[in-house]
Amino acid sequence: MINSQMTSHERFIADLAELATGVLDRREEPALLNHLVDCPNCMGEFEELVSAAKSLLLLVLEIEPPVGFETRFWDRVEACSSGTGVAEQSCLAQVVLHRSGCDQPWAG
């Protein structure tokens, strides 16, 4: 939620990380891109954030999952959705919960 006391410049600064990582709401993107053209400070910060995001992505891509993970993952997704009409997102949530050791998050 954006603070109503925040200036437009402060709001743009708050949105730079989202733009750099590609998760900024597309409706907000044009105004921020226009601001970057006129604000060298924000442009510099944005370039640093993009560089950091790319570096983090490269680190993540270098990590190999355990042998058989992908097969077990897709087997679990298929088992969740076959014949039940369960949406893929629900299945993925179950997989995440299972991997975290929390098959039944509602159980106290």
Protein backbone atom coordinates (compact mmCIF):
# COMPACT_ATOMS: atom_id res chain seq x y z
CA MET A 1 0.00 0.00 0.00
CA ILE A 2 1.39 3.37 -0.99
CA ASN A 3 1.56 6.06 1.69
CA SER A 4 -0.50 9.09 0.65
CA GLN A 5 2.21 11.38 2.12
CA MET A 6 4.79 9.93 -0.27
CA THR A 7 5.95 12.14 -3.16
CA SER A 8 5.85 10.77 -6.69
CA HIS A 9 9.66 10.58 -6.66
CA GLU A 10 9.61 8.54 -3.44
CA ARG A 11 6.95 6.27 -4.94
CA PHE A 12 9.12 5.73 -8.01
CA ILE A 13 12.10 4.85 -5.82
CA ALA A 14 9.97 2.32 -3.96
CA ASP A 15 8.99 0.70 -7.29
CA LEU A 16 12.50 0.43 -8.76
CA ALA A 17 13.19 -3.04 -7.34
CA GLU A 18 9.90 -4.35 -8.71
CA LEU A 19 10.70 -2.95 -12.15
CA ALA A 20 14.23 -4.38 -12.03
CA THR A 21 12.92 -7.86 -11.23
CA GLY A 22 10.06 -7.70 -13.73
CA VAL A 23 7.20 -7.85 -11.23
CA LEU A 24 5.97 -4.25 -11.35
CA ASP A 25 2.31 -3.86 -12.31
CA ARG A 26 2.29 -3.18 -16.07
CA ARG A 27 -0.06 -0.24 -15.56
CA GLU A 28 2.54 1.51 -13.40
CA GLU A 29 5.51 0.75 -15.64
CA PRO A 30 5.16 3.59 -18.23
CA ALA A 31 5.16 6.34 -15.59
CA LEU A 32 8.23 4.89 -13.91
CA LEU A 33 10.08 4.48 -17.21
CA ASN A 34 9.32 8.11 -18.06
CA HIS A 35 10.65 9.13 -14.65
CA LEU A 36 13.89 7.21 -15.26
CA VAL A 37 14.53 9.24 -18.41
CA ASP A 38 14.44 12.49 -16.39
CA CYS A 39 16.04 11.33 -13.12
CA PRO A 40 19.68 10.23 -13.28
CA ASN A 41 19.67 9.24 -9.60
CA CYS A 42 16.80 6.80 -10.09
CA MET A 43 18.34 5.53 -13.34
CA GLY A 44 21.60 4.78 -11.53
CA GLU A 45 19.77 2.98 -8.73
CA PHE A 46 17.70 1.05 -11.28
CA GLU A 47 20.82 -0.07 -13.17
CA GLU A 48 22.37 -1.32 -9.90
CA LEU A 49 19.19 -3.22 -9.03
CA VAL A 50 19.03 -4.81 -12.50
CA SER A 51 22.65 -5.90 -12.17
CA ALA A 52 22.00 -7.38 -8.73
CA ALA A 53 18.87 -9.18 -9.97
CA LYS A 54 20.79 -10.67 -12.91
CA SER A 55 23.59 -11.82 -10.59
CA LEU A 56 21.11 -13.50 -8.26
CA LEU A 57 19.39 -15.20 -11.17
CA LEU A 58 22.71 -16.59 -12.36
CA LEU A 59 23.37 -18.00 -8.89
CA VAL A 60 20.00 -19.70 -8.80
CA LEU A 61 20.50 -21.21 -12.24
CA GLU A 62 23.83 -22.75 -11.15
CA ILE A 63 22.23 -24.83 -8.40
CA GLU A 64 21.26 -28.29 -9.59
CA PRO A 65 18.24 -29.95 -7.97
CA PRO A 66 18.75 -33.38 -6.41
CA VAL A 67 18.71 -36.36 -8.78
CA GLY A 68 15.11 -37.37 -9.53
CA PHE A 69 13.56 -34.16 -8.16
CA GLU A 70 11.94 -33.15 -11.44
CA THR A 71 10.42 -36.59 -12.01
CA ARG A 72 9.07 -36.72 -8.44
CA PHE A 73 7.72 -33.19 -8.79
CA TRP A 74 5.79 -33.89 -11.99
CA ASP A 75 4.57 -37.24 -10.65
CA ARG A 76 3.16 -35.42 -7.64
CA VAL A 77 1.52 -32.74 -9.81
CA GLU A 78 -0.03 -35.41 -12.02
CA ALA A 79 -1.27 -37.38 -9.00
CA CYS A 80 -2.89 -34.23 -7.60
CA SER A 81 -4.70 -33.26 -10.77
CA SER A 82 -5.64 -36.56 -12.41
CA GLY A 83 -9.39 -36.99 -12.42
CA THR A 84 -10.04 -34.40 -9.73
CA GLY A 85 -10.16 -31.18 -11.72
CA VAL A 86 -7.79 -29.57 -9.22
CA ALA A 87 -6.11 -26.50 -10.68
CA GLU A 88 -2.37 -26.69 -11.23
CA GLN A 89 -1.74 -23.89 -8.75
CA SER A 90 -3.41 -25.89 -6.00
CA CYS A 91 -1.25 -28.88 -6.85
CA LEU A 92 1.87 -26.76 -6.81
CA ALA A 93 0.90 -25.41 -3.40
CA GLN A 94 0.52 -28.97 -2.14
CA VAL A 95 3.95 -29.87 -3.51
CA VAL A 96 5.50 -26.85 -1.78
CA LEU A 97 3.76 -27.70 1.49
CA HIS A 98 4.84 -31.32 1.21
CA ARG A 99 8.47 -30.37 0.58
CA SER A 100 8.39 -28.07 3.61
CA GLY A 101 7.12 -30.95 5.77
CA CYS A 102 3.70 -29.39 6.18
CA ASP A 103 1.23 -31.66 4.34
CA GLN A 104 -1.66 -30.38 6.43
CA PRO A 105 -1.16 -26.67 7.15
CA TRP A 106 -4.54 -26.48 8.87
CA ALA A 107 -3.57 -29.04 11.50
CA GLY A 108 -2.45 -27.28 14.66
